[in-house]
């Protein structure tokens, strides 16, 4: 069974902004009912690819306060389809940390995966980045994951095959970290086999994904 990702990723200009932890490391939730003041160097926020203006601004304000503002005021907006949860990903200019933000009820949840925690010369591998989120129709789970030092062509779990969508790429401590979004059947969990390219050659890897049924692979 082929589960097309059908996903969108768009680059959006973002004002200096928020901080937290990803994968998720240290994080916070920022209420949006009374957003903080924006200084003159911060462009005014506007809705971008499913991110409401107030929530986007709250995330960017938080990043600015924590010293985790995006490189070149750019963040990647990750959203598979209208109605599904939209997330922001960026690499912080000052720290090199990889940060995230997503709407969470009346707040914005944000965090950063610290560059120091990734280390240099990390061995190739696949790592889930945050929580799996249900799609608007409730049929699938969207999983954001990263590949260190390799790229991913497809994931498979028994007869189910998923083609992930590359949504972002950052270099941290000299290692390329590529981020993917994959839509998996919410009843098909376990250790997915990944077909990857590593150092110019095809290879196999694995990624443990939890769904409503564990150990299906």
C-alpha atoms as a PDB file:
ATOM      1  CA  UNK A   1       0.000   0.000   0.000  1.00  0.00           C
ATOM      2  CA  UNK A   2       1.466   3.340  -1.066  1.00  0.00           C
ATOM      3  CA  UNK A   3       0.761   6.262   1.206  1.00  0.00           C
ATOM      4  CA  UNK A   4       1.746   9.433  -0.700  1.00  0.00           C
ATOM      5  CA  UNK A   5       3.003  12.174   1.487  1.00  0.00           C
ATOM      6  CA  UNK A   6       1.551  14.970  -0.682  1.00  0.00           C
ATOM      7  CA  UNK A   7       3.214  17.501   1.527  1.00  0.00           C
ATOM      8  CA  UNK A   8       4.042  21.183   1.241  1.00  0.00           C
ATOM      9  CA  UNK A   9       7.038  23.096   2.511  1.00  0.00           C
ATOM     10  CA  UNK A  10       7.415  26.835   1.983  1.00  0.00           C
ATOM     11  CA  UNK A  11      10.053  29.307   3.002  1.00  0.00           C
ATOM     12  CA  UNK A  12       8.553  32.240   4.862  1.00  0.00           C
ATOM     13  CA  UNK A  13      10.247  35.376   6.110  1.00  0.00           C
ATOM     14  CA  UNK A  14      10.042  35.428   9.894  1.00  0.00           C
ATOM     15  CA  UNK A  15      10.772  38.139  12.371  1.00  0.00           C
ATOM     16  CA  UNK A  16      13.373  37.569  15.073  1.00  0.00           C
ATOM     17  CA  UNK A  17      11.573  35.413  17.473  1.00  0.00           C
ATOM     18  CA  UNK A  18      11.089  32.383  19.847  1.00  0.00           C
ATOM     19  CA  UNK A  19      12.965  29.570  21.557  1.00  0.00           C
ATOM     20  CA  UNK A  20      12.448  26.075  22.850  1.00  0.00           C
ATOM     21  CA  UNK A  21      13.485  22.513  22.254  1.00  0.00           C
ATOM     22  CA  UNK A  22      12.965  20.042  19.538  1.00  0.00           C
ATOM     23  CA  UNK A  23      12.898  16.348  19.277  1.00  0.00           C
ATOM     24  CA  UNK A  24      11.670  17.914  21.562  1.00  0.00           C
ATOM     25  CA  UNK A  25      14.286  19.255  23.988  1.00  0.00           C
ATOM     26  CA  UNK A  26      13.481  22.186  26.293  1.00  0.00           C
ATOM     27  CA  UNK A  27      10.251  23.892  25.318  1.00  0.00           C
ATOM     28  CA  UNK A  28       7.573  26.312  26.350  1.00  0.00           C
ATOM     29  CA  UNK A  29       4.046  27.353  25.528  1.00  0.00           C
ATOM     30  CA  UNK A  30       3.417  31.032  24.908  1.00  0.00           C
ATOM     31  CA  UNK A  31      -0.163  32.372  25.337  1.00  0.00           C
ATOM     32  CA  UNK A  32      -1.268  34.457  22.382  1.00  0.00           C
ATOM     33  CA  UNK A  33      -4.066  36.423  24.039  1.00  0.00           C
ATOM     34  CA  UNK A  34      -1.669  39.268  24.862  1.00  0.00           C
ATOM     35  CA  UNK A  35       1.327  39.075  22.495  1.00  0.00           C
ATOM     36  CA  UNK A  36       4.469  40.881  23.552  1.00  0.00           C
ATOM     37  CA  UNK A  37       5.503  44.126  21.960  1.00  0.00           C
ATOM     38  CA  UNK A  38       7.555  43.958  18.760  1.00  0.00           C
ATOM     39  CA  UNK A  39      10.632  46.146  18.394  1.00  0.00           C
ATOM     40  CA  UNK A  40      11.280  48.245  15.305  1.00  0.00           C
ATOM     41  CA  UNK A  41      13.640  45.664  13.791  1.00  0.00           C
ATOM     42  CA  UNK A  42      10.907  43.036  13.715  1.00  0.00           C
ATOM     43  CA  UNK A  43       8.712  42.912  10.589  1.00  0.00           C
ATOM     44  CA  UNK A  44       4.992  42.747  11.318  1.00  0.00           C
ATOM     45  CA  UNK A  45       3.601  39.203  11.235  1.00  0.00           C
ATOM     46  CA  UNK A  46       1.031  38.015   8.724  1.00  0.00           C
ATOM     47  CA  UNK A  47      -0.659  34.632   8.157  1.00  0.00           C
ATOM     48  CA  UNK A  48       1.752  32.241   6.407  1.00  0.00           C
ATOM     49  CA  UNK A  49       0.821  28.782   5.110  1.00  0.00           C
ATOM     50  CA  UNK A  50      -1.606  27.973   7.894  1.00  0.00           C
ATOM     51  CA  UNK A  51       0.197  29.754  10.745  1.00  0.00           C
ATOM     52  CA  UNK A  52      -2.095  32.430  12.240  1.00  0.00           C
ATOM     53  CA  UNK A  53      -0.391  35.799  12.504  1.00  0.00           C
ATOM     54  CA  UNK A  54      -0.697  36.061  16.292  1.00  0.00           C
ATOM     55  CA  UNK A  55       0.731  32.593  16.849  1.00  0.00           C
ATOM     56  CA  UNK A  56       3.573  33.154  14.423  1.00  0.00           C
ATOM     57  CA  UNK A  57       4.398  36.435  16.129  1.00  0.00           C
ATOM     58  CA  UNK A  58       4.274  34.825  19.578  1.00  0.00           C
ATOM     59  CA  UNK A  59       6.750  32.169  18.450  1.00  0.00           C
ATOM     60  CA  UNK A  60       9.103  34.707  16.912  1.00  0.00           C
ATOM     61  CA  UNK A  61       8.914  36.986  19.958  1.00  0.00           C
ATOM     62  CA  UNK A  62       9.841  34.033  22.154  1.00  0.00           C
ATOM     63  CA  UNK A  63      12.772  33.141  19.889  1.00  0.00           C
ATOM     64  CA  UNK A  64      14.078  36.711  19.970  1.00  0.00           C
ATOM     65  CA  UNK A  65      13.934  36.807  23.764  1.00  0.00           C
ATOM     66  CA  UNK A  66      15.807  33.482  24.017  1.00  0.00           C
ATOM     67  CA  UNK A  67      18.464  34.320  21.427  1.00  0.00           C
ATOM     68  CA  UNK A  68      17.116  31.703  18.994  1.00  0.00           C
ATOM     69  CA  UNK A  69      15.947  33.906  16.110  1.00  0.00           C
ATOM     70  CA  UNK A  70      16.073  32.299  12.637  1.00  0.00           C
ATOM     71  CA  UNK A  71      19.051  32.637  10.341  1.00  0.00           C
ATOM     72  CA  UNK A  72      18.473  35.465   7.869  1.00  0.00           C
ATOM     73  CA  UNK A  73      14.970  35.869   9.323  1.00  0.00           C
ATOM     74  CA  UNK A  74      13.845  32.727   7.513  1.00  0.00           C
ATOM     75  CA  UNK A  75      11.835  29.769   8.803  1.00  0.00           C
ATOM     76  CA  UNK A  76      10.438  26.741   7.006  1.00  0.00           C
ATOM     77  CA  UNK A  77       6.687  26.301   7.211  1.00  0.00           C
ATOM     78  CA  UNK A  78       5.739  22.619   7.211  1.00  0.00           C
ATOM     79  CA  UNK A  79       2.124  21.759   6.469  1.00  0.00           C
ATOM     80  CA  UNK A  80       0.864  18.783   4.468  1.00  0.00           C
ATOM     81  CA  UNK A  81      -2.551  20.190   3.580  1.00  0.00           C
ATOM     82  CA  UNK A  82      -4.984  22.908   4.685  1.00  0.00           C
ATOM     83  CA  UNK A  83      -6.532  21.900   7.989  1.00  0.00           C
ATOM     84  CA  UNK A  84      -3.560  19.838   9.128  1.00  0.00           C
ATOM     85  CA  UNK A  85      -1.236  21.227  11.783  1.00  0.00           C
ATOM     86  CA  UNK A  86       1.347  23.666  10.442  1.00  0.00           C
ATOM     87  CA  UNK A  87       4.768  23.836  12.081  1.00  0.00           C
ATOM     88  CA  UNK A  88       7.691  26.222  11.821  1.00  0.00           C
ATOM     89  CA  UNK A  89      11.280  24.967  11.642  1.00  0.00           C
ATOM     90  CA  UNK A  90      14.371  27.122  11.654  1.00  0.00           C
ATOM     91  CA  UNK A  91      18.052  27.192  12.529  1.00  0.00           C
ATOM     92  CA  UNK A  92      19.006  29.844  15.048  1.00  0.00           C
ATOM     93  CA  UNK A  93      21.481  32.441  13.833  1.00  0.00           C
ATOM     94  CA  UNK A  94      23.383  32.836  17.107  1.00  0.00           C
ATOM     95  CA  UNK A  95      23.457  29.274  18.428  1.00  0.00           C
ATOM     96  CA  UNK A  96      23.018  26.971  15.424  1.00  0.00           C
ATOM     97  CA  UNK A  97      20.236  25.189  17.336  1.00  0.00           C
ATOM     98  CA  UNK A  98      17.348  23.695  15.334  1.00  0.00           C
ATOM     99  CA  UNK A  99      14.076  25.155  16.598  1.00  0.00           C
ATOM    100  CA  UNK A 100      10.373  24.494  16.127  1.00  0.00           C
ATOM    101  CA  UNK A 101       7.032  26.067  16.896  1.00  0.00           C
ATOM    102  CA  UNK A 102       3.478  24.860  16.441  1.00  0.00           C
ATOM    103  CA  UNK A 103       0.007  26.039  17.507  1.00  0.00           C
ATOM    104  CA  UNK A 104      -1.260  24.334  20.662  1.00  0.00           C
ATOM    105  CA  UNK A 105      -4.780  25.384  21.546  1.00  0.00           C
ATOM    106  CA  UNK A 106      -4.631  29.014  22.594  1.00  0.00           C
ATOM    107  CA  UNK A 107      -0.850  28.960  22.842  1.00  0.00           C
ATOM    108  CA  UNK A 108       2.210  28.283  20.750  1.00  0.00           C
ATOM    109  CA  UNK A 109       4.483  25.421  21.776  1.00  0.00           C
ATOM    110  CA  UNK A 110       8.123  26.085  20.896  1.00  0.00           C
ATOM    111  CA  UNK A 111      11.521  24.573  21.552  1.00  0.00           C
ATOM    112  CA  UNK A 112      15.018  23.928  20.244  1.00  0.00           C
ATOM    113  CA  UNK A 113      17.248  20.934  19.730  1.00  0.00           C
ATOM    114  CA  UNK A 114      20.572  22.178  21.021  1.00  0.00           C
ATOM    115  CA  UNK A 115      23.497  22.044  18.628  1.00  0.00           C
ATOM    116  CA  UNK A 116      25.719  20.960  21.516  1.00  0.00           C
ATOM    117  CA  UNK A 117      23.540  17.891  22.054  1.00  0.00           C
ATOM    118  CA  UNK A 118      24.003  16.779  18.448  1.00  0.00           C
ATOM    119  CA  UNK A 119      27.796  16.776  18.604  1.00  0.00           C
ATOM    120  CA  UNK A 120      30.234  16.755  15.687  1.00  0.00           C
ATOM    121  CA  UNK A 121      30.844  13.850  13.352  1.00  0.00           C
ATOM    122  CA  UNK A 122      27.618  12.156  14.384  1.00  0.00           C
ATOM    123  CA  UNK A 123      27.134   8.691  12.885  1.00  0.00           C
ATOM    124  CA  UNK A 124      24.447   8.517  10.187  1.00  0.00           C
ATOM    125  CA  UNK A 125      20.997   7.739  11.533  1.00  0.00           C
ATOM    126  CA  UNK A 126      17.288   8.537  11.678  1.00  0.00           C
ATOM    127  CA  UNK A 127      15.583  10.288  14.589  1.00  0.00           C
ATOM    128  CA  UNK A 128      11.956  11.234  15.280  1.00  0.00           C
ATOM    129  CA  UNK A 129      11.549  14.973  15.848  1.00  0.00           C
ATOM    130  CA  UNK A 130       8.603  15.712  18.127  1.00  0.00           C
ATOM    131  CA  UNK A 131       5.200  14.066  18.406  1.00  0.00           C
ATOM    132  CA  UNK A 132       3.198  12.356  15.670  1.00  0.00           C
ATOM    133  CA  UNK A 133       0.128  14.474  14.853  1.00  0.00           C
ATOM    134  CA  UNK A 134      -3.165  13.213  13.379  1.00  0.00           C
ATOM    135  CA  UNK A 135      -4.280  14.621  10.050  1.00  0.00           C
ATOM    136  CA  UNK A 136      -7.504  16.635   9.936  1.00  0.00           C
ATOM    137  CA  UNK A 137      -9.492  13.635   8.685  1.00  0.00           C
ATOM    138  CA  UNK A 138      -8.064  11.431  11.444  1.00  0.00           C
ATOM    139  CA  UNK A 139      -6.940   8.734   9.009  1.00  0.00           C
ATOM    140  CA  UNK A 140      -3.172   9.200   9.169  1.00  0.00           C
ATOM    141  CA  UNK A 141      -0.447  10.296  11.568  1.00  0.00           C
ATOM    142  CA  UNK A 142       2.136  12.819  10.414  1.00  0.00           C
ATOM    143  CA  UNK A 143       5.640  12.161  11.662  1.00  0.00           C
ATOM    144  CA  UNK A 144       8.455  14.696  11.446  1.00  0.00           C
ATOM    145  CA  UNK A 145      11.910  13.101  11.545  1.00  0.00           C
ATOM    146  CA  UNK A 146      15.491  13.946  10.721  1.00  0.00           C
ATOM    147  CA  UNK A 147      18.233  12.077   8.909  1.00  0.00           C
ATOM    148  CA  UNK A 148      21.825  12.757   9.963  1.00  0.00           C
ATOM    149  CA  UNK A 149      24.412  12.310   7.214  1.00  0.00           C
ATOM    150  CA  UNK A 150      22.047  10.502   4.824  1.00  0.00           C
ATOM    151  CA  UNK A 151      18.923  11.045   2.733  1.00  0.00           C
ATOM    152  CA  UNK A 152      15.756   8.946   2.727  1.00  0.00           C
ATOM    153  CA  UNK A 153      13.959   7.595  -0.341  1.00  0.00           C
ATOM    154  CA  UNK A 154      11.182   5.607   1.314  1.00  0.00           C
ATOM    155  CA  UNK A 155       9.998   3.879   4.473  1.00  0.00           C
ATOM    156  CA  UNK A 156       8.336   0.478   4.595  1.00  0.00           C
ATOM    157  CA  UNK A 157       6.491  -1.527   7.226  1.00  0.00           C
ATOM    158  CA  UNK A 158       5.356  -4.893   5.918  1.00  0.00           C
ATOM    159  CA  UNK A 159       3.317  -4.207   2.758  1.00  0.00           C
ATOM    160  CA  UNK A 160       2.936  -0.491   3.596  1.00  0.00           C
ATOM    161  CA  UNK A 161       5.304   1.895   1.822  1.00  0.00           C
ATOM    162  CA  UNK A 162       5.599   5.603   2.624  1.00  0.00           C
ATOM    163  CA  UNK A 163       7.444   8.177   0.521  1.00  0.00           C
ATOM    164  CA  UNK A 164       8.500  10.959   2.927  1.00  0.00           C
ATOM    165  CA  UNK A 165       8.693  14.597   1.847  1.00  0.00           C
ATOM    166  CA  UNK A 166      11.907  16.494   2.489  1.00  0.00           C
ATOM    167  CA  UNK A 167      10.960  19.766   4.181  1.00  0.00           C
ATOM    168  CA  UNK A 168      14.172  21.308   5.502  1.00  0.00           C
ATOM    169  CA  UNK A 169      17.919  20.882   5.689  1.00  0.00           C
ATOM    170  CA  UNK A 170      20.375  22.403   8.136  1.00  0.00           C
ATOM    171  CA  UNK A 171      24.074  21.887   8.730  1.00  0.00           C
ATOM    172  CA  UNK A 172      24.887  21.488  12.411  1.00  0.00           C
ATOM    173  CA  UNK A 173      28.437  20.831  13.641  1.00  0.00           C
ATOM    174  CA  UNK A 174      29.573  19.963  10.140  1.00  0.00           C
ATOM    175  CA  UNK A 175      26.864  17.321   9.581  1.00  0.00           C
ATOM    176  CA  UNK A 176      23.914  17.739   7.218  1.00  0.00           C
ATOM    177  CA  UNK A 177      20.595  17.237   9.050  1.00  0.00           C
ATOM    178  CA  UNK A 178      17.723  16.642   6.626  1.00  0.00           C
ATOM    179  CA  UNK A 179      14.148  16.849   7.903  1.00  0.00           C
ATOM    180  CA  UNK A 180      11.252  14.845   6.483  1.00  0.00           C
ATOM    181  CA  UNK A 181       7.503  14.647   6.982  1.00  0.00           C
ATOM    182  CA  UNK A 182       5.843  11.260   6.506  1.00  0.00           C
ATOM    183  CA  UNK A 183       2.177  10.266   6.735  1.00  0.00           C
ATOM    184  CA  UNK A 184       1.750   6.788   8.201  1.00  0.00           C
ATOM    185  CA  UNK A 185      -1.330   4.669   8.798  1.00  0.00           C
ATOM    186  CA  UNK A 186      -2.343   5.300  12.394  1.00  0.00           C
ATOM    187  CA  UNK A 187      -2.699   1.538  12.937  1.00  0.00           C
ATOM    188  CA  UNK A 188       0.701   0.590  11.519  1.00  0.00           C
ATOM    189  CA  UNK A 189       3.529   1.112  13.995  1.00  0.00           C
ATOM    190  CA  UNK A 190       6.862  -0.480  14.701  1.00  0.00           C
ATOM    191  CA  UNK A 191      10.326  -0.465  13.198  1.00  0.00           C
ATOM    192  CA  UNK A 192      10.091   0.910   9.667  1.00  0.00           C
ATOM    193  CA  UNK A 193      12.808  -0.060   7.188  1.00  0.00           C
ATOM    194  CA  UNK A 194      14.305   2.960   5.441  1.00  0.00           C
ATOM    195  CA  UNK A 195      16.018   2.968   2.051  1.00  0.00           C
ATOM    196  CA  UNK A 196      18.666   5.686   2.263  1.00  0.00           C
ATOM    197  CA  UNK A 197      21.571   7.181   0.363  1.00  0.00           C
ATOM    198  CA  UNK A 198      24.722   7.427   2.428  1.00  0.00           C
ATOM    199  CA  UNK A 199      28.099   8.593   1.111  1.00  0.00           C
ATOM    200  CA  UNK A 200      26.812   8.166  -2.450  1.00  0.00           C
ATOM    201  CA  UNK A 201      25.689   4.565  -1.999  1.00  0.00           C
ATOM    202  CA  UNK A 202      22.354   2.890  -1.274  1.00  0.00           C
ATOM    203  CA  UNK A 203      21.963   1.576   2.257  1.00  0.00           C
ATOM    204  CA  UNK A 204      19.316   0.447   4.741  1.00  0.00           C
ATOM    205  CA  UNK A 205      18.397   2.055   8.041  1.00  0.00           C
ATOM    206  CA  UNK A 206      15.491   1.822  10.463  1.00  0.00           C
ATOM    207  CA  UNK A 207      13.126   4.227  12.196  1.00  0.00           C
ATOM    208  CA  UNK A 208      10.903   3.296  15.135  1.00  0.00           C
ATOM    209  CA  UNK A 209       7.476   4.889  14.736  1.00  0.00           C
ATOM    210  CA  UNK A 210       4.697   4.444  17.259  1.00  0.00           C
ATOM    211  CA  UNK A 211       1.108   4.362  16.092  1.00  0.00           C
ATOM    212  CA  UNK A 212      -2.079   3.095  17.706  1.00  0.00           C
ATOM    213  CA  UNK A 213      -0.872  -0.443  17.098  1.00  0.00           C
ATOM    214  CA  UNK A 214       2.730  -1.125  18.097  1.00  0.00           C
ATOM    215  CA  UNK A 215       4.984  -3.785  16.667  1.00  0.00           C
ATOM    216  CA  UNK A 216       3.062  -4.209  13.407  1.00  0.00           C
ATOM    217  CA  UNK A 217       6.208  -4.305  11.280  1.00  0.00           C
END
